């Protein structure tokens, strides 16, 4: 009898604590990306290689655009997803849709940029498709 009463009391105490103190949820916030473009990297960033067993030469590009945060709150650690194709509609980043990260996106419209390396043998122009981002209401990576 005493044991059952102790279990009931402990359950009630834990229930009250959980009801009073609930940690902030880190909800995933969707971010629309628009006005996508790319340009050659500045010379100091242009050094790089694409490796797949052997080292091959690569072209460096900076992808730019606008990030639209309609949540009314800052968004942190937003992963950028999208597809990049060359002039022949061949994938530049095979088996990879996560392309980069935006550390912080304030409410409203803001600029973003990320660096990509593309094998030198893939013909230009590049095609940037299905770009979007998703991040959190608080920082998750420290």
N, C-alpha and C. Protein backbone atom coordinates (compact mmCIF):
# COMPACT_ATOMS: atom_id res chain seq x y z
N UNK A 1 0.82 -1.19 0.00
CA UNK A 1 0.00 0.00 0.00
C UNK A 1 0.87 1.26 0.00
N UNK A 2 1.88 1.25 0.89
CA UNK A 2 2.77 2.42 0.94
C UNK A 2 3.51 2.60 -0.38
N UNK A 3 3.92 1.50 -0.94
CA UNK A 3 4.66 1.56 -2.20
C UNK A 3 3.78 2.14 -3.31
N UNK A 4 2.54 1.72 -3.39
CA UNK A 4 1.62 2.24 -4.41
C UNK A 4 1.40 3.74 -4.21
N UNK A 5 1.27 4.17 -2.95
CA UNK A 5 1.08 5.59 -2.66
C UNK A 5 2.31 6.39 -3.06
N UNK A 6 3.50 5.85 -2.82
CA UNK A 6 4.74 6.53 -3.20
C UNK A 6 4.83 6.67 -4.72
N UNK A 7 4.44 5.65 -5.46
CA UNK A 7 4.46 5.70 -6.92
C UNK A 7 3.49 6.77 -7.42
N UNK A 8 2.31 6.84 -6.83
CA UNK A 8 1.30 7.83 -7.24
C UNK A 8 1.81 9.24 -6.95
N UNK A 9 2.38 9.45 -5.78
CA UNK A 9 2.91 10.77 -5.42
C UNK A 9 4.05 11.16 -6.35
N UNK A 10 4.98 10.25 -6.60
CA UNK A 10 6.10 10.53 -7.50
C UNK A 10 5.61 10.85 -8.91
N UNK A 11 4.62 10.11 -9.38
CA UNK A 11 4.06 10.36 -10.71
C UNK A 11 3.42 11.75 -10.77
N UNK A 12 2.71 12.13 -9.75
CA UNK A 12 2.08 13.46 -9.70
C UNK A 12 3.13 14.56 -9.67
N UNK A 13 4.17 14.39 -8.88
CA UNK A 13 5.23 15.40 -8.80
C UNK A 13 5.91 15.56 -10.16
N UNK A 14 6.25 14.45 -10.80
CA UNK A 14 6.88 14.52 -12.13
C UNK A 14 5.95 15.16 -13.15
N UNK A 15 4.66 14.84 -13.07
CA UNK A 15 3.68 15.45 -13.97
C UNK A 15 3.61 16.95 -13.80
N UNK A 16 3.61 17.43 -12.57
CA UNK A 16 3.57 18.87 -12.29
C UNK A 16 4.84 19.55 -12.77
N UNK A 17 5.99 18.95 -12.51
CA UNK A 17 7.27 19.53 -12.96
C UNK A 17 7.29 19.63 -14.48
N UNK A 18 6.85 18.58 -15.16
CA UNK A 18 6.83 18.59 -16.62
C UNK A 18 5.87 19.64 -17.16
N UNK A 19 4.74 19.81 -16.50
CA UNK A 19 3.74 20.79 -16.93
C UNK A 19 4.25 22.21 -16.72
N UNK A 20 4.93 22.47 -15.61
CA UNK A 20 5.43 23.81 -15.28
C UNK A 20 6.66 24.14 -16.12
N UNK A 21 7.58 23.21 -16.23
CA UNK A 21 8.82 23.46 -16.95
C UNK A 21 8.85 22.61 -18.22
N UNK A 22 8.63 23.27 -19.34
CA UNK A 22 8.72 22.59 -20.64
C UNK A 22 9.80 23.30 -21.45
N UNK A 23 10.84 22.58 -21.86
CA UNK A 23 11.90 23.22 -22.64
C UNK A 23 11.39 23.71 -23.99
N UNK A 24 12.06 24.73 -24.50
CA UNK A 24 11.70 25.29 -25.80
C UNK A 24 11.92 24.26 -26.89
N UNK A 25 10.94 24.12 -27.75
CA UNK A 25 11.07 23.18 -28.87
C UNK A 25 11.90 23.82 -29.98
N UNK A 26 12.75 23.04 -30.60
CA UNK A 26 13.55 23.52 -31.72
C UNK A 26 12.87 23.08 -33.01
N UNK A 27 11.89 23.88 -33.43
CA UNK A 27 11.13 23.52 -34.63
C UNK A 27 11.92 23.86 -35.89
N UNK A 28 11.79 23.02 -36.88
CA UNK A 28 12.42 23.24 -38.17
C UNK A 28 11.63 24.30 -38.93
N UNK A 29 12.30 25.35 -39.38
CA UNK A 29 11.67 26.44 -40.11
C UNK A 29 12.12 26.39 -41.56
N UNK A 30 11.16 26.40 -42.49
CA UNK A 30 11.45 26.37 -43.92
C UNK A 30 11.78 27.79 -44.40
N UNK A 31 12.80 27.91 -45.22
CA UNK A 31 13.25 29.19 -45.76
C UNK A 31 13.23 29.10 -47.29
N UNK A 32 12.57 30.04 -47.93
CA UNK A 32 12.55 30.08 -49.39
C UNK A 32 13.82 30.78 -49.87
N UNK A 33 14.43 30.25 -50.93
CA UNK A 33 15.61 30.87 -51.54
C UNK A 33 15.23 31.32 -52.94
N UNK A 34 15.62 32.55 -53.30
CA UNK A 34 15.27 33.10 -54.61
C UNK A 34 16.45 33.88 -55.19
N UNK A 35 16.25 34.39 -56.40
CA UNK A 35 17.27 35.21 -57.10
C UNK A 35 18.63 34.51 -57.13
N UNK A 36 18.62 33.23 -57.44
CA UNK A 36 19.86 32.45 -57.45
C UNK A 36 20.73 32.80 -58.65
N UNK A 37 22.01 32.90 -58.40
CA UNK A 37 22.99 33.17 -59.45
C UNK A 37 24.33 32.59 -58.97
N UNK A 38 25.29 32.55 -59.88
CA UNK A 38 26.63 32.12 -59.48
C UNK A 38 27.66 32.93 -60.24
N UNK A 39 28.85 32.99 -59.68
CA UNK A 39 29.96 33.71 -60.30
C UNK A 39 31.25 32.99 -59.94
N UNK A 40 32.30 33.26 -60.71
CA UNK A 40 33.61 32.67 -60.41
C UNK A 40 34.07 33.14 -59.04
N UNK A 41 34.78 32.28 -58.34
CA UNK A 41 35.36 32.66 -57.05
C UNK A 41 36.45 33.70 -57.26
N UNK A 42 36.64 34.56 -56.27
CA UNK A 42 37.83 35.42 -56.30
C UNK A 42 39.07 34.54 -56.29
N UNK A 43 40.16 35.04 -56.81
CA UNK A 43 41.37 34.24 -56.98
C UNK A 43 41.84 33.58 -55.68
N UNK A 44 41.71 34.28 -54.54
CA UNK A 44 42.19 33.71 -53.28
C UNK A 44 41.35 32.51 -52.81
N UNK A 45 40.12 32.36 -53.31
CA UNK A 45 39.28 31.22 -52.96
C UNK A 45 39.25 30.15 -54.04
N UNK A 46 39.80 30.44 -55.19
CA UNK A 46 39.65 29.56 -56.35
C UNK A 46 40.49 28.30 -56.30
N UNK A 47 41.44 28.19 -55.39
CA UNK A 47 42.26 26.98 -55.30
C UNK A 47 41.43 25.87 -54.68
N UNK A 48 41.45 24.68 -55.30
CA UNK A 48 40.70 23.57 -54.74
C UNK A 48 40.73 22.39 -55.67
N UNK A 49 40.18 21.30 -55.20
CA UNK A 49 40.15 20.07 -55.99
C UNK A 49 38.89 19.30 -55.67
N UNK A 50 38.45 18.50 -56.63
CA UNK A 50 37.37 17.56 -56.41
C UNK A 50 38.01 16.19 -56.40
N UNK A 51 37.77 15.43 -55.34
CA UNK A 51 38.44 14.14 -55.26
C UNK A 51 37.43 13.00 -55.31
N UNK A 52 37.79 11.97 -55.98
CA UNK A 52 37.02 10.74 -56.04
C UNK A 52 38.02 9.63 -56.31
N UNK A 53 38.83 9.37 -55.33
CA UNK A 53 39.89 8.39 -55.50
C UNK A 53 41.17 9.04 -56.01
N UNK A 54 41.02 9.88 -57.03
CA UNK A 54 42.16 10.62 -57.57
C UNK A 54 41.82 12.10 -57.56
N UNK A 55 42.81 12.94 -57.54
CA UNK A 55 42.59 14.38 -57.52
C UNK A 55 42.38 14.88 -58.94
N UNK A 56 41.30 15.63 -59.12
CA UNK A 56 40.99 16.23 -60.42
C UNK A 56 40.86 17.73 -60.25
N UNK A 57 41.13 18.47 -61.31
CA UNK A 57 41.01 19.92 -61.22
C UNK A 57 39.54 20.30 -61.13
N UNK A 58 39.30 21.47 -60.53
CA UNK A 58 37.93 21.92 -60.31
C UNK A 58 37.84 23.42 -60.53
N UNK A 59 36.63 23.84 -60.87
CA UNK A 59 36.31 25.27 -60.95
C UNK A 59 35.60 25.66 -59.67
N UNK A 60 35.90 26.83 -59.19
CA UNK A 60 35.30 27.34 -57.96
C UNK A 60 34.25 28.39 -58.31
N UNK A 61 33.07 28.29 -57.67
CA UNK A 61 32.01 29.26 -57.90
C UNK A 61 31.42 29.69 -56.56
N UNK A 62 30.91 30.90 -56.53
CA UNK A 62 30.15 31.41 -55.40
C UNK A 62 28.69 31.48 -55.85
N UNK A 63 27.81 30.75 -55.16
CA UNK A 63 26.38 30.80 -55.42
C UNK A 63 25.80 31.87 -54.50
N UNK A 64 25.01 32.78 -55.08
CA UNK A 64 24.39 33.86 -54.30
C UNK A 64 22.89 33.82 -54.47
N UNK A 65 22.19 34.47 -53.56
CA UNK A 65 20.74 34.56 -53.66
C UNK A 65 20.15 35.28 -52.47
N UNK A 66 18.84 35.22 -52.38
CA UNK A 66 18.09 35.84 -51.29
C UNK A 66 17.45 34.74 -50.45
N UNK A 67 17.54 34.88 -49.14
CA UNK A 67 16.87 33.97 -48.20
C UNK A 67 15.68 34.71 -47.61
N UNK A 68 14.50 34.11 -47.72
CA UNK A 68 13.27 34.77 -47.28
C UNK A 68 12.77 34.06 -46.01
N UNK A 69 12.88 34.76 -44.89
CA UNK A 69 12.48 34.22 -43.58
C UNK A 69 11.19 34.92 -43.15
N UNK A 70 10.07 34.25 -43.32
CA UNK A 70 8.77 34.81 -42.96
C UNK A 70 8.31 34.44 -41.55
N UNK A 71 9.19 33.82 -40.76
CA UNK A 71 8.79 33.34 -39.43
C UNK A 71 8.67 34.45 -38.39
N UNK A 72 9.29 35.59 -38.65
CA UNK A 72 9.28 36.67 -37.67
C UNK A 72 10.36 36.53 -36.61
N UNK A 73 11.12 35.45 -36.64
CA UNK A 73 12.20 35.22 -35.68
C UNK A 73 13.45 34.81 -36.44
N UNK A 74 14.63 35.03 -35.85
CA UNK A 74 15.85 34.56 -36.51
C UNK A 74 15.85 33.04 -36.66
N UNK A 75 16.47 32.57 -37.72
CA UNK A 75 16.63 31.14 -37.97
C UNK A 75 18.13 30.85 -37.98
N UNK A 76 18.52 29.77 -37.31
CA UNK A 76 19.93 29.43 -37.17
C UNK A 76 20.24 28.09 -37.84
N UNK A 77 21.49 27.93 -38.24
CA UNK A 77 22.00 26.67 -38.77
C UNK A 77 21.10 26.10 -39.87
N UNK A 78 20.79 26.93 -40.86
CA UNK A 78 19.91 26.52 -41.95
C UNK A 78 20.70 25.78 -43.03
N UNK A 79 20.38 24.52 -43.22
CA UNK A 79 21.00 23.73 -44.28
C UNK A 79 20.40 24.14 -45.62
N UNK A 80 21.25 24.30 -46.63
CA UNK A 80 20.82 24.64 -47.98
C UNK A 80 20.75 23.35 -48.79
N UNK A 81 19.60 23.14 -49.43
CA UNK A 81 19.39 21.97 -50.28
C UNK A 81 19.10 22.45 -51.70
N UNK A 82 19.52 21.68 -52.67
CA UNK A 82 19.23 22.01 -54.05
C UNK A 82 19.93 21.06 -54.99
N UNK A 83 19.71 21.29 -56.25
CA UNK A 83 20.34 20.48 -57.29
C UNK A 83 21.06 21.40 -58.26
N UNK A 84 22.25 20.98 -58.68
CA UNK A 84 23.04 21.77 -59.63
C UNK A 84 23.37 20.86 -60.81
N UNK A 85 23.05 21.35 -62.00
CA UNK A 85 23.30 20.60 -63.23
C UNK A 85 24.22 21.41 -64.13
N UNK A 86 24.95 20.71 -65.00
CA UNK A 86 25.80 21.40 -65.98
C UNK A 86 24.99 21.67 -67.25
N UNK A 87 25.65 22.15 -68.30
CA UNK A 87 24.97 22.51 -69.55
C UNK A 87 24.33 21.31 -70.23
N UNK A 88 24.78 20.10 -69.93
CA UNK A 88 24.22 18.88 -70.52
C UNK A 88 23.16 18.22 -69.64
N UNK A 89 22.72 18.92 -68.61
CA UNK A 89 21.76 18.39 -67.62
C UNK A 89 22.31 17.23 -66.81
N UNK A 90 23.62 17.14 -66.68
CA UNK A 90 24.25 16.15 -65.82
C UNK A 90 24.44 16.76 -64.43
N UNK A 91 24.21 15.96 -63.40
CA UNK A 91 24.34 16.44 -62.03
C UNK A 91 25.79 16.80 -61.71
N UNK A 92 25.98 17.95 -61.11
CA UNK A 92 27.30 18.40 -60.70
C UNK A 92 27.66 17.79 -59.34
N UNK A 93 26.68 17.62 -58.47
CA UNK A 93 26.87 17.06 -57.13
C UNK A 93 26.08 15.76 -57.05
N UNK A 94 26.57 14.71 -57.63
CA UNK A 94 25.83 13.45 -57.66
C UNK A 94 25.60 12.91 -56.26
N UNK A 95 24.39 12.42 -56.04
CA UNK A 95 23.99 11.82 -54.76
C UNK A 95 24.13 12.78 -53.58
N UNK A 96 24.01 14.07 -53.86
CA UNK A 96 24.17 15.05 -52.79
C UNK A 96 23.22 16.20 -53.03
N UNK A 97 22.28 16.42 -52.11
CA UNK A 97 21.38 17.57 -52.23
C UNK A 97 21.65 18.62 -51.15
N UNK A 98 22.31 18.24 -50.05
CA UNK A 98 22.70 19.26 -49.06
C UNK A 98 23.96 19.90 -49.58
N UNK A 99 23.89 21.21 -49.82
CA UNK A 99 24.99 21.90 -50.49
C UNK A 99 25.76 22.85 -49.59
N UNK A 100 25.15 23.31 -48.52
CA UNK A 100 25.84 24.27 -47.67
C UNK A 100 25.02 24.63 -46.45
N UNK A 101 25.41 25.72 -45.79
CA UNK A 101 24.81 26.14 -44.53
C UNK A 101 24.77 27.66 -44.46
N UNK A 102 23.69 28.19 -43.92
CA UNK A 102 23.61 29.61 -43.58
C UNK A 102 23.54 29.66 -42.05
N UNK A 103 24.52 30.28 -41.42
CA UNK A 103 24.62 30.26 -39.96
C UNK A 103 23.44 30.96 -39.29
N UNK A 104 23.02 32.11 -39.83
CA UNK A 104 21.91 32.86 -39.23
C UNK A 104 21.16 33.62 -40.31
N UNK A 105 19.83 33.55 -40.25
CA UNK A 105 18.97 34.28 -41.19
C UNK A 105 18.02 35.13 -40.37
N UNK A 106 18.17 36.47 -40.41
CA UNK A 106 17.24 37.32 -39.66
C UNK A 106 15.86 37.33 -40.32
N UNK A 107 14.84 37.79 -39.60
CA UNK A 107 13.52 37.88 -40.22
C UNK A 107 13.56 38.78 -41.46
N UNK A 108 12.76 38.46 -42.45
CA UNK A 108 12.71 39.26 -43.68
C UNK A 108 13.55 38.63 -44.78
N UNK A 109 14.02 39.49 -45.69
CA UNK A 109 14.82 39.04 -46.84
C UNK A 109 16.27 39.42 -46.61
N UNK A 110 17.17 38.45 -46.78
CA UNK A 110 18.60 38.74 -46.63
C UNK A 110 19.39 38.00 -47.70
N UNK A 111 20.59 38.49 -47.96
CA UNK A 111 21.47 37.89 -48.95
C UNK A 111 22.19 36.69 -48.34
N UNK A 112 22.51 35.71 -49.17
CA UNK A 112 23.36 34.61 -48.74
C UNK A 112 24.32 34.26 -49.87
N UNK A 113 25.38 33.57 -49.51
CA UNK A 113 26.32 33.05 -50.51
C UNK A 113 26.99 31.80 -49.96
N UNK A 114 27.41 30.94 -50.88
CA UNK A 114 28.15 29.74 -50.50
C UNK A 114 29.10 29.38 -51.63
N UNK A 115 30.18 28.72 -51.27
CA UNK A 115 31.21 28.32 -52.24
C UNK A 115 30.94 26.88 -52.66
N UNK A 116 31.09 26.60 -53.96
CA UNK A 116 31.00 25.24 -54.46
C UNK A 116 32.19 24.97 -55.38
N UNK A 117 32.59 23.72 -55.47
CA UNK A 117 33.62 23.29 -56.41
C UNK A 117 32.96 22.35 -57.41
N UNK A 118 33.24 22.59 -58.70
CA UNK A 118 32.66 21.80 -59.78
C UNK A 118 33.80 21.23 -60.61
N UNK A 119 33.76 19.93 -60.92
CA UNK A 119 34.82 19.36 -61.76
C UNK A 119 35.01 20.19 -63.04
N UNK A 120 36.25 20.45 -63.39
CA UNK A 120 36.57 21.32 -64.53
C UNK A 120 36.06 20.78 -65.85
N UNK A 121 35.81 19.47 -65.94
CA UNK A 121 35.35 18.90 -67.21
C UNK A 121 33.84 19.01 -67.42
N UNK A 122 33.10 19.58 -66.47
CA UNK A 122 31.65 19.73 -66.65
C UNK A 122 31.37 21.06 -67.33
N UNK A 123 30.63 21.03 -68.45
CA UNK A 123 30.41 22.24 -69.25
C UNK A 123 29.47 23.24 -68.57
N UNK A 124 29.76 24.51 -68.81
CA UNK A 124 28.95 25.60 -68.29
C UNK A 124 27.95 26.02 -69.36
N UNK A 125 26.86 26.69 -69.02
CA UNK A 125 26.52 27.27 -67.72
C UNK A 125 25.91 26.23 -66.78
N UNK A 126 25.99 26.55 -65.49
CA UNK A 126 25.37 25.71 -64.47
C UNK A 126 23.89 26.06 -64.38
N UNK A 127 23.10 25.08 -63.96
CA UNK A 127 21.67 25.29 -63.72
C UNK A 127 21.40 25.02 -62.24
N UNK A 128 20.85 26.00 -61.54
CA UNK A 128 20.57 25.90 -60.11
C UNK A 128 19.08 25.64 -59.95
N UNK A 129 18.71 24.48 -59.40
CA UNK A 129 17.30 24.10 -59.33
C UNK A 129 16.91 23.61 -57.94
N UNK A 130 15.63 23.80 -57.61
CA UNK A 130 15.00 23.28 -56.39
C UNK A 130 15.75 23.69 -55.13
N UNK A 131 16.21 24.93 -55.05
CA UNK A 131 16.92 25.39 -53.86
C UNK A 131 15.94 25.78 -52.77
N UNK A 132 16.27 25.38 -51.56
CA UNK A 132 15.51 25.75 -50.36
C UNK A 132 16.43 25.59 -49.17
N UNK A 133 15.99 26.07 -48.03
CA UNK A 133 16.77 25.92 -46.80
C UNK A 133 15.82 25.60 -45.65
N UNK A 134 16.37 25.01 -44.61
CA UNK A 134 15.60 24.71 -43.41
C UNK A 134 16.53 24.85 -42.22
N UNK A 135 16.06 25.60 -41.20
CA UNK A 135 16.88 25.83 -40.02
C UNK A 135 16.05 25.79 -38.75
N UNK A 136 16.65 26.24 -37.66
CA UNK A 136 16.06 26.10 -36.33
C UNK A 136 15.87 27.45 -35.66
N UNK A 137 14.97 27.49 -34.66
CA UNK A 137 14.68 28.72 -33.93
C UNK A 137 15.74 29.03 -32.88
N UNK A 138 16.66 28.13 -32.66
CA UNK A 138 17.79 28.35 -31.74
C UNK A 138 18.99 27.60 -32.29
N UNK A 139 20.19 28.04 -31.90
CA UNK A 139 21.39 27.39 -32.39
C UNK A 139 21.47 25.96 -31.89
N UNK A 140 21.80 25.04 -32.81
CA UNK A 140 21.95 23.64 -32.43
C UNK A 140 23.40 23.19 -32.47
N UNK A 141 24.21 23.81 -33.30
CA UNK A 141 25.63 23.46 -33.42
C UNK A 141 26.43 24.48 -32.66
N UNK A 142 27.35 24.01 -31.88
CA UNK A 142 28.18 24.96 -31.11
C UNK A 142 29.63 24.73 -31.42
